[in-house]
Amino acid sequence: MRVSRGMVGGGVGTLIMVLVALYFGVDPTIILQQAPPVTGPPAGASREARSTEENRLADFVSVVLADTEDTWNDLFRRGGKTYREPRLILFTDAVESACGYAESAVGPFYCPRDEKVYIDLGFFREMRDRFHAPGDFAQAYVIAHEIGHHVQNLLGISEKVQNARSRASQVEGNRISVRLELQADCLAGVWAYHANRMRNIIEEGDVEEALGAASAIGDDRLQRQSQGFVVPDAFTHGTSEQRVRWFRRGLQSGEVNLCNTFQEAG
């Protein structure tokens, strides 16, 4: 996959961070602020300009987003809180967000500064063709993971993590980021649990699709594919086993309070 101009040449640690930032980044400014200013094409393409496949994917993303809104509105209301719905931005090639400029190589991401979820529909082709993680529910997992970051932002978790990372070493900061990402995986599972309970959305094979996607983008698997060896201190999202385990926990329990990855090891 393409890496943005200005992101190359920052040392082994930076390159690894860039690699994992290609998938499911919580706050792209961590990487994007290291790059020099660049200009790029505007976000989005009209429905008429998209292919039939892209329009189908756009419709699917919108449906999943609406379902997450139903679920999290209900869960927040039960907890005496108000859920503020995020905005969805579909883009092609590149996009300018409140978190900075991002090319499609960054992959789907959530920007806490503008409370928007950014998705390049081409990423789903990468999941299918490059990482062999096809299927609608695998795509739904991707969206639900980013919404998990939005939930973290609304609950004040993201800000605490950013503050903690600013005081930590790079290695310790990476470990904190892993906890944040695994929690977003768990929250994606919580959504799936409640959405299925209320609307019976899960069909045979769907869970396997989501677990396959979670496994496909584990830090250990991505590093092994890209460089032939694994550097655990550079993990920022968690291993394949961790991502599968935490998504499964949310899916089986439906309990947000069981997604406290910051108090549990592994």
C-alpha atoms as a PDB file:
ATOM      1  CA  MET A   1       0.000   0.000   0.000  1.00  0.00           C
ATOM      2  CA  ARG A   2       1.111   3.562  -0.630  1.00  0.00           C
ATOM      3  CA  VAL A   3       2.795   5.578   2.104  1.00  0.00           C
ATOM      4  CA  SER A   4       2.354   9.346   2.140  1.00  0.00           C
ATOM      5  CA  ARG A   5       5.154  11.676   1.124  1.00  0.00           C
ATOM      6  CA  GLY A   6       7.102  12.776   4.153  1.00  0.00           C
ATOM      7  CA  MET A   7       6.388   9.602   6.114  1.00  0.00           C
ATOM      8  CA  VAL A   8       9.390   7.714   4.831  1.00  0.00           C
ATOM      9  CA  GLY A   9      12.840   7.745   6.413  1.00  0.00           C
ATOM     10  CA  GLY A  10      11.931   8.214  10.070  1.00  0.00           C
ATOM     11  CA  GLY A  11      13.788   5.176  11.369  1.00  0.00           C
ATOM     12  CA  VAL A  12      12.633   1.608  12.001  1.00  0.00           C
ATOM     13  CA  GLY A  13      10.269   2.570  14.833  1.00  0.00           C
ATOM     14  CA  THR A  14       8.571   5.238  12.752  1.00  0.00           C
ATOM     15  CA  LEU A  15       8.226   2.961   9.745  1.00  0.00           C
ATOM     16  CA  ILE A  16       6.570   0.314  11.871  1.00  0.00           C
ATOM     17  CA  MET A  17       4.228   2.906  13.371  1.00  0.00           C
ATOM     18  CA  VAL A  18       3.357   4.037   9.855  1.00  0.00           C
ATOM     19  CA  LEU A  19       2.648   0.448   8.825  1.00  0.00           C
ATOM     20  CA  VAL A  20       0.207  -0.187  11.627  1.00  0.00           C
ATOM     21  CA  ALA A  21      -1.256   3.294  11.241  1.00  0.00           C
ATOM     22  CA  LEU A  22      -2.441   2.178   7.817  1.00  0.00           C
ATOM     23  CA  TYR A  23      -5.153   0.289   9.616  1.00  0.00           C
ATOM     24  CA  PHE A  24      -7.624   1.476  12.249  1.00  0.00           C
ATOM     25  CA  GLY A  25      -5.698   4.515  13.562  1.00  0.00           C
ATOM     26  CA  VAL A  26      -7.249   6.197  16.547  1.00  0.00           C
ATOM     27  CA  ASP A  27      -5.734   9.652  16.074  1.00  0.00           C
ATOM     28  CA  PRO A  28      -3.811  10.080  12.820  1.00  0.00           C
ATOM     29  CA  THR A  29      -2.163  13.291  14.054  1.00  0.00           C
ATOM     30  CA  ILE A  30       0.331  11.122  15.889  1.00  0.00           C
ATOM     31  CA  ILE A  31       1.715  10.147  12.480  1.00  0.00           C
ATOM     32  CA  LEU A  32       0.473  12.977  10.295  1.00  0.00           C
ATOM     33  CA  GLN A  33       2.140  15.737  12.297  1.00  0.00           C
ATOM     34  CA  GLN A  34       5.504  14.190  11.417  1.00  0.00           C
ATOM     35  CA  ALA A  35       4.888  14.832   7.729  1.00  0.00           C
ATOM     36  CA  PRO A  36       5.555  18.115   5.922  1.00  0.00           C
ATOM     37  CA  PRO A  37       2.539  20.002   4.594  1.00  0.00           C
ATOM     38  CA  VAL A  38       1.267  18.639   1.311  1.00  0.00           C
ATOM     39  CA  THR A  39      -1.711  19.344  -0.854  1.00  0.00           C
ATOM     40  CA  GLY A  40      -3.996  16.775  -2.318  1.00  0.00           C
ATOM     41  CA  PRO A  41      -7.315  16.181  -3.974  1.00  0.00           C
ATOM     42  CA  PRO A  42     -10.507  17.095  -2.160  1.00  0.00           C
ATOM     43  CA  ALA A  43     -12.483  14.531  -0.215  1.00  0.00           C
ATOM     44  CA  GLY A  44     -15.199  12.462  -1.689  1.00  0.00           C
ATOM     45  CA  ALA A  45     -16.639  11.623  -5.022  1.00  0.00           C
ATOM     46  CA  SER A  46     -20.233  12.040  -6.130  1.00  0.00           C
ATOM     47  CA  ARG A  47     -22.459   9.005  -6.238  1.00  0.00           C
ATOM     48  CA  GLU A  48     -22.554   9.301 -10.022  1.00  0.00           C
ATOM     49  CA  ALA A  49     -18.757   9.198 -10.166  1.00  0.00           C
ATOM     50  CA  ARG A  50     -18.501   6.013  -8.112  1.00  0.00           C
ATOM     51  CA  SER A  51     -18.594   2.519  -9.538  1.00  0.00           C
ATOM     52  CA  THR A  52     -21.521   0.216  -8.871  1.00  0.00           C
ATOM     53  CA  GLU A  53     -19.440  -1.667  -6.304  1.00  0.00           C
ATOM     54  CA  GLU A  54     -18.466   1.557  -4.550  1.00  0.00           C
ATOM     55  CA  ASN A  55     -22.082   2.702  -4.372  1.00  0.00           C
ATOM     56  CA  ARG A  56     -23.068  -0.641  -2.892  1.00  0.00           C
ATOM     57  CA  LEU A  57     -20.308  -0.300  -0.297  1.00  0.00           C
ATOM     58  CA  ALA A  58     -21.309   3.300   0.447  1.00  0.00           C
ATOM     59  CA  ASP A  59     -24.878   2.185   1.078  1.00  0.00           C
ATOM     60  CA  PHE A  60     -23.654  -0.649   3.282  1.00  0.00           C
ATOM     61  CA  VAL A  61     -21.426   1.649   5.339  1.00  0.00           C
ATOM     62  CA  SER A  62     -24.354   4.023   5.872  1.00  0.00           C
ATOM     63  CA  VAL A  63     -26.592   1.175   7.026  1.00  0.00           C
ATOM     64  CA  VAL A  64     -23.991  -0.097   9.501  1.00  0.00           C
ATOM     65  CA  LEU A  65     -23.371   3.417  10.788  1.00  0.00           C
ATOM     66  CA  ALA A  66     -27.103   3.899  11.377  1.00  0.00           C
ATOM     67  CA  ASP A  67     -27.211   0.607  13.248  1.00  0.00           C
ATOM     68  CA  THR A  68     -24.333   1.642  15.508  1.00  0.00           C
ATOM     69  CA  GLU A  69     -26.203   4.868  16.227  1.00  0.00           C
ATOM     70  CA  ASP A  70     -29.302   2.938  17.298  1.00  0.00           C
ATOM     71  CA  THR A  71     -27.231   0.689  19.547  1.00  0.00           C
ATOM     72  CA  TRP A  72     -25.051   3.326  21.196  1.00  0.00           C
ATOM     73  CA  ASN A  73     -27.908   5.790  21.635  1.00  0.00           C
ATOM     74  CA  ASP A  74     -29.703   3.088  23.592  1.00  0.00           C
ATOM     75  CA  LEU A  75     -26.656   2.061  25.651  1.00  0.00           C
ATOM     76  CA  PHE A  76     -25.754   5.657  26.516  1.00  0.00           C
ATOM     77  CA  ARG A  77     -29.357   6.379  27.489  1.00  0.00           C
ATOM     78  CA  ARG A  78     -29.352   3.392  29.833  1.00  0.00           C
ATOM     79  CA  GLY A  79     -26.228   4.788  31.454  1.00  0.00           C
ATOM     80  CA  GLY A  80     -27.764   8.236  31.912  1.00  0.00           C
ATOM     81  CA  LYS A  81     -25.669   9.799  29.164  1.00  0.00           C
ATOM     82  CA  THR A  82     -26.348  11.295  25.740  1.00  0.00           C
ATOM     83  CA  TYR A  83     -24.765   9.785  22.658  1.00  0.00           C
ATOM     84  CA  ARG A  84     -23.548  12.380  20.172  1.00  0.00           C
ATOM     85  CA  GLU A  85     -23.631  10.803  16.713  1.00  0.00           C
ATOM     86  CA  PRO A  86     -20.481  11.039  14.576  1.00  0.00           C
ATOM     87  CA  ARG A  87     -20.443  12.109  10.946  1.00  0.00           C
ATOM     88  CA  LEU A  88     -19.368   9.792   8.153  1.00  0.00           C
ATOM     89  CA  ILE A  89     -16.957  11.036   5.475  1.00  0.00           C
ATOM     90  CA  LEU A  90     -16.342   8.847   2.425  1.00  0.00           C
ATOM     91  CA  PHE A  91     -13.261   9.897   0.499  1.00  0.00           C
ATOM     92  CA  THR A  92     -11.163   8.919  -2.469  1.00  0.00           C
ATOM     93  CA  ASP A  93      -7.355   9.114  -2.587  1.00  0.00           C
ATOM     94  CA  ALA A  94      -6.974  11.771   0.140  1.00  0.00           C
ATOM     95  CA  VAL A  95      -8.871  13.861   2.649  1.00  0.00           C
ATOM     96  CA  GLU A  96      -8.310  16.869   4.895  1.00  0.00           C
ATOM     97  CA  SER A  97      -9.617  16.350   8.431  1.00  0.00           C
ATOM     98  CA  ALA A  98      -9.307  18.264  11.691  1.00  0.00           C
ATOM     99  CA  CYS A  99      -6.577  15.759  12.525  1.00  0.00           C
ATOM    100  CA  GLY A 100      -4.584  16.613   9.404  1.00  0.00           C
ATOM    101  CA  TYR A 101      -4.165  15.540   5.805  1.00  0.00           C
ATOM    102  CA  ALA A 102      -4.456  11.820   5.105  1.00  0.00           C
ATOM    103  CA  GLU A 103      -4.051   9.741   1.985  1.00  0.00           C
ATOM    104  CA  SER A 104      -6.006   6.554   1.406  1.00  0.00           C
ATOM    105  CA  ALA A 105      -2.977   4.549   2.600  1.00  0.00           C
ATOM    106  CA  VAL A 106      -3.867   5.587   6.138  1.00  0.00           C
ATOM    107  CA  GLY A 107      -6.985   3.459   5.851  1.00  0.00           C
ATOM    108  CA  PRO A 108     -10.197   4.061   7.810  1.00  0.00           C
ATOM    109  CA  PHE A 109      -9.723   6.377  10.773  1.00  0.00           C
ATOM    110  CA  TYR A 110     -11.591   8.347  13.381  1.00  0.00           C
ATOM    111  CA  CYS A 111     -10.703  11.945  14.148  1.00  0.00           C
ATOM    112  CA  PRO A 112     -11.672  12.942  17.706  1.00  0.00           C
ATOM    113  CA  ARG A 113     -11.186  16.635  16.922  1.00  0.00           C
ATOM    114  CA  ASP A 114     -14.114  16.791  14.504  1.00  0.00           C
ATOM    115  CA  GLU A 115     -15.906  13.593  15.620  1.00  0.00           C
ATOM    116  CA  LYS A 116     -15.947  12.166  12.098  1.00  0.00           C
ATOM    117  CA  VAL A 117     -15.274   8.691  10.748  1.00  0.00           C
ATOM    118  CA  TYR A 118     -13.284   8.743   7.496  1.00  0.00           C
ATOM    119  CA  ILE A 119     -13.452   5.779   5.143  1.00  0.00           C
ATOM    120  CA  ASP A 120     -11.948   5.207   1.716  1.00  0.00           C
ATOM    121  CA  LEU A 121     -14.088   2.481   0.157  1.00  0.00           C
ATOM    122  CA  GLY A 122     -11.022   1.075  -1.568  1.00  0.00           C
ATOM    123  CA  PHE A 123      -9.837  -0.228   1.799  1.00  0.00           C
ATOM    124  CA  PHE A 124     -12.471  -2.946   1.698  1.00  0.00           C
ATOM    125  CA  ARG A 125     -10.949  -4.245  -1.535  1.00  0.00           C
ATOM    126  CA  GLU A 126      -7.604  -4.392   0.269  1.00  0.00           C
ATOM    127  CA  MET A 127      -9.206  -6.438   3.023  1.00  0.00           C
ATOM    128  CA  ARG A 128     -10.576  -8.887   0.491  1.00  0.00           C
ATOM    129  CA  ASP A 129      -7.659  -9.117  -1.925  1.00  0.00           C
ATOM    130  CA  ARG A 130      -4.559  -8.416   0.173  1.00  0.00           C
ATOM    131  CA  PHE A 131      -5.530  -9.693   3.594  1.00  0.00           C
ATOM    132  CA  HIS A 132      -8.049 -12.342   2.601  1.00  0.00           C
ATOM    133  CA  ALA A 133     -10.671 -11.016   5.001  1.00  0.00           C
ATOM    134  CA  PRO A 134     -13.776 -10.685   2.792  1.00  0.00           C
ATOM    135  CA  GLY A 135     -17.419 -10.418   3.736  1.00  0.00           C
ATOM    136  CA  ASP A 136     -19.994  -7.884   4.850  1.00  0.00           C
ATOM    137  CA  PHE A 137     -19.547  -8.566   8.535  1.00  0.00           C
ATOM    138  CA  ALA A 138     -15.777  -8.152   8.262  1.00  0.00           C
ATOM    139  CA  GLN A 139     -16.490  -4.703   6.808  1.00  0.00           C
ATOM    140  CA  ALA A 140     -19.017  -4.035   9.556  1.00  0.00           C
ATOM    141  CA  TYR A 141     -16.321  -4.861  12.115  1.00  0.00           C
ATOM    142  CA  VAL A 142     -14.061  -2.199  10.586  1.00  0.00           C
ATOM    143  CA  ILE A 143     -16.782   0.443  10.874  1.00  0.00           C
ATOM    144  CA  ALA A 144     -17.763  -0.646  14.392  1.00  0.00           C
ATOM    145  CA  HIS A 145     -14.117  -0.433  15.482  1.00  0.00           C
ATOM    146  CA  GLU A 146     -13.905   3.193  14.380  1.00  0.00           C
ATOM    147  CA  ILE A 147     -17.204   3.923  16.135  1.00  0.00           C
ATOM    148  CA  GLY A 148     -15.617   2.323  19.194  1.00  0.00           C
ATOM    149  CA  HIS A 149     -13.030   5.107  19.076  1.00  0.00           C
ATOM    150  CA  HIS A 150     -15.859   7.623  18.951  1.00  0.00           C
ATOM    151  CA  VAL A 151     -17.371   6.064  22.069  1.00  0.00           C
ATOM    152  CA  GLN A 152     -13.975   6.298  23.776  1.00  0.00           C
ATOM    153  CA  ASN A 153     -13.805   9.960  22.812  1.00  0.00           C
ATOM    154  CA  LEU A 154     -17.254  10.713  24.224  1.00  0.00           C
ATOM    155  CA  LEU A 155     -16.385   8.930  27.471  1.00  0.00           C
ATOM    156  CA  GLY A 156     -13.148  10.909  27.874  1.00  0.00           C
ATOM    157  CA  ILE A 157     -10.923   7.853  27.462  1.00  0.00           C
ATOM    158  CA  SER A 158      -9.160   9.083  24.324  1.00  0.00           C
ATOM    159  CA  GLU A 159      -8.082  12.337  25.988  1.00  0.00           C
ATOM    160  CA  LYS A 160      -6.676  10.487  29.000  1.00  0.00           C
ATOM    161  CA  VAL A 161      -4.752   8.170  26.701  1.00  0.00           C
ATOM    162  CA  GLN A 162      -3.310  11.072  24.710  1.00  0.00           C
ATOM    163  CA  ASN A 163      -2.212  12.770  27.917  1.00  0.00           C
ATOM    164  CA  ALA A 164      -0.610   9.568  29.159  1.00  0.00           C
ATOM    165  CA  ARG A 165       1.193   9.017  25.853  1.00  0.00           C
ATOM    166  CA  SER A 166       2.587  12.550  25.892  1.00  0.00           C
ATOM    167  CA  ARG A 167       4.364  11.772  29.183  1.00  0.00           C
ATOM    168  CA  ALA A 168       5.540   8.296  28.241  1.00  0.00           C
ATOM    169  CA  SER A 169       8.457   6.912  26.287  1.00  0.00           C
ATOM    170  CA  GLN A 170       7.789   5.672  22.785  1.00  0.00           C
ATOM    171  CA  VAL A 171       7.716   2.039  23.916  1.00  0.00           C
ATOM    172  CA  GLU A 172       5.364   2.750  26.808  1.00  0.00           C
ATOM    173  CA  GLY A 173       3.272   5.007  24.573  1.00  0.00           C
ATOM    174  CA  ASN A 174       2.898   2.146  22.118  1.00  0.00           C
ATOM    175  CA  ARG A 175       1.683  -0.131  24.910  1.00  0.00           C
ATOM    176  CA  ILE A 176      -0.923   2.433  25.900  1.00  0.00           C
ATOM    177  CA  SER A 177      -2.061   2.694  22.279  1.00  0.00           C
ATOM    178  CA  VAL A 178      -2.458  -1.086  22.159  1.00  0.00           C
ATOM    179  CA  ARG A 179      -4.852  -0.896  25.122  1.00  0.00           C
ATOM    180  CA  LEU A 180      -6.900   1.778  23.382  1.00  0.00           C
ATOM    181  CA  GLU A 181      -7.140  -0.206  20.153  1.00  0.00           C
ATOM    182  CA  LEU A 182      -8.065  -3.460  21.900  1.00  0.00           C
ATOM    183  CA  GLN A 183     -10.790  -1.633  23.779  1.00  0.00           C
ATOM    184  CA  ALA A 184     -12.180  -0.355  20.463  1.00  0.00           C
ATOM    185  CA  ASP A 185     -12.216  -3.966  19.259  1.00  0.00           C
ATOM    186  CA  CYS A 186     -14.146  -4.975  22.376  1.00  0.00           C
ATOM    187  CA  LEU A 187     -16.602  -2.112  21.890  1.00  0.00           C
ATOM    188  CA  ALA A 188     -17.137  -3.263  18.310  1.00  0.00           C
ATOM    189  CA  GLY A 189     -18.097  -6.628  19.761  1.00  0.00           C
ATOM    190  CA  VAL A 190     -20.474  -4.939  22.232  1.00  0.00           C
ATOM    191  CA  TRP A 191     -22.234  -3.270  19.293  1.00  0.00           C
ATOM    192  CA  ALA A 192     -22.543  -6.598  17.461  1.00  0.00           C
ATOM    193  CA  TYR A 193     -24.007  -8.279  20.557  1.00  0.00           C
ATOM    194  CA  HIS A 194     -26.734  -5.694  21.080  1.00  0.00           C
ATOM    195  CA  ALA A 195     -27.466  -5.163  17.375  1.00  0.00           C
ATOM    196  CA  ASN A 196     -27.977  -8.897  16.950  1.00  0.00           C
ATOM    197  CA  ARG A 197     -30.091  -9.147  20.082  1.00  0.00           C
ATOM    198  CA  MET A 198     -32.379  -6.311  18.978  1.00  0.00           C
ATOM    199  CA  ARG A 199     -32.397  -6.804  15.207  1.00  0.00           C
ATOM    200  CA  ASN A 200     -31.027 -10.310  14.578  1.00  0.00           C
ATOM    201  CA  ILE A 201     -28.330  -9.095  12.187  1.00  0.00           C
ATOM    202  CA  ILE A 202     -25.802 -11.934  12.522  1.00  0.00           C
ATOM    203  CA  GLU A 203     -26.075 -14.773  10.020  1.00  0.00           C
ATOM    204  CA  GLU A 204     -24.131 -18.009   9.783  1.00  0.00           C
ATOM    205  CA  GLY A 205     -20.476 -17.301   9.042  1.00  0.00           C
ATOM    206  CA  ASP A 206     -20.631 -13.625  10.037  1.00  0.00           C
ATOM    207  CA  VAL A 207     -18.727 -14.028  13.294  1.00  0.00           C
ATOM    208  CA  GLU A 208     -15.980 -15.942  11.507  1.00  0.00           C
ATOM    209  CA  GLU A 209     -15.707 -13.069   8.988  1.00  0.00           C
ATOM    210  CA  ALA A 210     -15.248 -10.506  11.757  1.00  0.00           C
ATOM    211  CA  LEU A 211     -12.743 -12.655  13.637  1.00  0.00           C
ATOM    212  CA  GLY A 212     -10.831 -13.198  10.414  1.00  0.00           C
ATOM    213  CA  ALA A 213     -10.617  -9.442   9.870  1.00  0.00           C
ATOM    214  CA  ALA A 214      -9.458  -8.863  13.455  1.00  0.00           C
ATOM    215  CA  SER A 215      -6.767 -11.502  13.019  1.00  0.00           C
ATOM    216  CA  ALA A 216      -5.659 -10.182   9.617  1.00  0.00           C
ATOM    217  CA  ILE A 217      -4.652  -6.781  10.981  1.00  0.00           C
ATOM    218  CA  GLY A 218      -2.811  -7.845  14.144  1.00  0.00           C
ATOM    219  CA  ASP A 219       0.536  -6.089  14.597  1.00  0.00           C
ATOM    220  CA  ASP A 220       2.464  -9.352  14.674  1.00  0.00           C
ATOM    221  CA  ARG A 221       0.936 -10.573  11.439  1.00  0.00           C
ATOM    222  CA  LEU A 222       1.439  -7.253   9.631  1.00  0.00           C
ATOM    223  CA  GLN A 223       5.057  -6.980  10.763  1.00  0.00           C
ATOM    224  CA  ARG A 224       5.822 -10.559   9.781  1.00  0.00           C
ATOM    225  CA  GLN A 225       4.335  -9.983   6.333  1.00  0.00           C
ATOM    226  CA  SER A 226       6.169  -6.702   5.764  1.00  0.00           C
ATOM    227  CA  GLN A 227       9.600  -7.406   7.237  1.00  0.00           C
ATOM    228  CA  GLY A 228       9.758 -11.093   8.114  1.00  0.00           C
ATOM    229  CA  PHE A 229      10.095 -10.610  11.867  1.00  0.00           C
ATOM    230  CA  VAL A 230       8.177  -9.189  14.813  1.00  0.00           C
ATOM    231  CA  VAL A 231       9.093  -6.257  17.104  1.00  0.00           C
ATOM    232  CA  PRO A 232       6.682  -6.382  20.074  1.00  0.00           C
ATOM    233  CA  ASP A 233       7.830  -3.024  21.474  1.00  0.00           C
ATOM    234  CA  ALA A 234       6.603  -1.396  18.264  1.00  0.00           C
ATOM    235  CA  PHE A 235       3.077  -2.821  18.512  1.00  0.00           C
ATOM    236  CA  THR A 236       0.396  -0.124  18.639  1.00  0.00           C
ATOM    237  CA  HIS A 237      -2.757  -2.135  17.926  1.00  0.00           C
ATOM    238  CA  GLY A 238      -2.239  -5.573  19.452  1.00  0.00           C
ATOM    239  CA  THR A 239      -1.506  -9.052  18.179  1.00  0.00           C
ATOM    240  CA  SER A 240      -3.934 -11.052  16.086  1.00  0.00           C
ATOM    241  CA  GLU A 241      -4.746 -13.199  19.115  1.00  0.00           C
ATOM    242  CA  GLN A 242      -5.420 -10.163  21.313  1.00  0.00           C
ATOM    243  CA  ARG A 243      -7.654  -8.470  18.773  1.00  0.00           C
ATOM    244  CA  VAL A 244      -9.710 -11.599  18.226  1.00  0.00           C
ATOM    245  CA  ARG A 245      -9.974 -12.236  21.980  1.00  0.00           C
ATOM    246  CA  TRP A 246     -11.162  -8.735  22.868  1.00  0.00           C
ATOM    247  CA  PHE A 247     -13.660  -8.545  20.009  1.00  0.00           C
ATOM    248  CA  ARG A 248     -14.998 -11.923  21.088  1.00  0.00           C
ATOM    249  CA  ARG A 249     -15.308 -10.731  24.682  1.00  0.00           C
ATOM    250  CA  GLY A 250     -17.504  -7.798  23.661  1.00  0.00           C
ATOM    251  CA  LEU A 251     -19.509  -9.989  21.302  1.00  0.00           C
ATOM    252  CA  GLN A 252     -20.201 -12.640  23.913  1.00  0.00           C
ATOM    253  CA  SER A 253     -20.880 -10.344  26.880  1.00  0.00           C
ATOM    254  CA  GLY A 254     -22.370  -7.142  25.474  1.00  0.00           C
ATOM    255  CA  GLU A 255     -20.954  -5.417  28.564  1.00  0.00           C
ATOM    256  CA  VAL A 256     -19.031  -2.162  28.138  1.00  0.00           C
ATOM    257  CA  ASN A 257     -17.521  -2.476  31.615  1.00  0.00           C
ATOM    258  CA  LEU A 258     -15.881  -5.759  30.595  1.00  0.00           C
ATOM    259  CA  CYS A 259     -13.907  -3.872  27.927  1.00  0.00           C
ATOM    260  CA  ASN A 260     -11.488  -2.299  30.427  1.00  0.00           C
ATOM    261  CA  THR A 261      -8.283  -3.246  28.634  1.00  0.00           C
ATOM    262  CA  PHE A 262      -6.319  -0.817  30.786  1.00  0.00           C
ATOM    263  CA  GLN A 263      -6.746  -2.925  33.912  1.00  0.00           C
ATOM    264  CA  GLU A 264      -6.058  -6.315  32.384  1.00  0.00           C
ATOM    265  CA  ALA A 265      -2.834  -7.747  31.030  1.00  0.00           C
ATOM    266  CA  GLY A 266      -2.757  -9.290  27.593  1.00  0.00           C
END
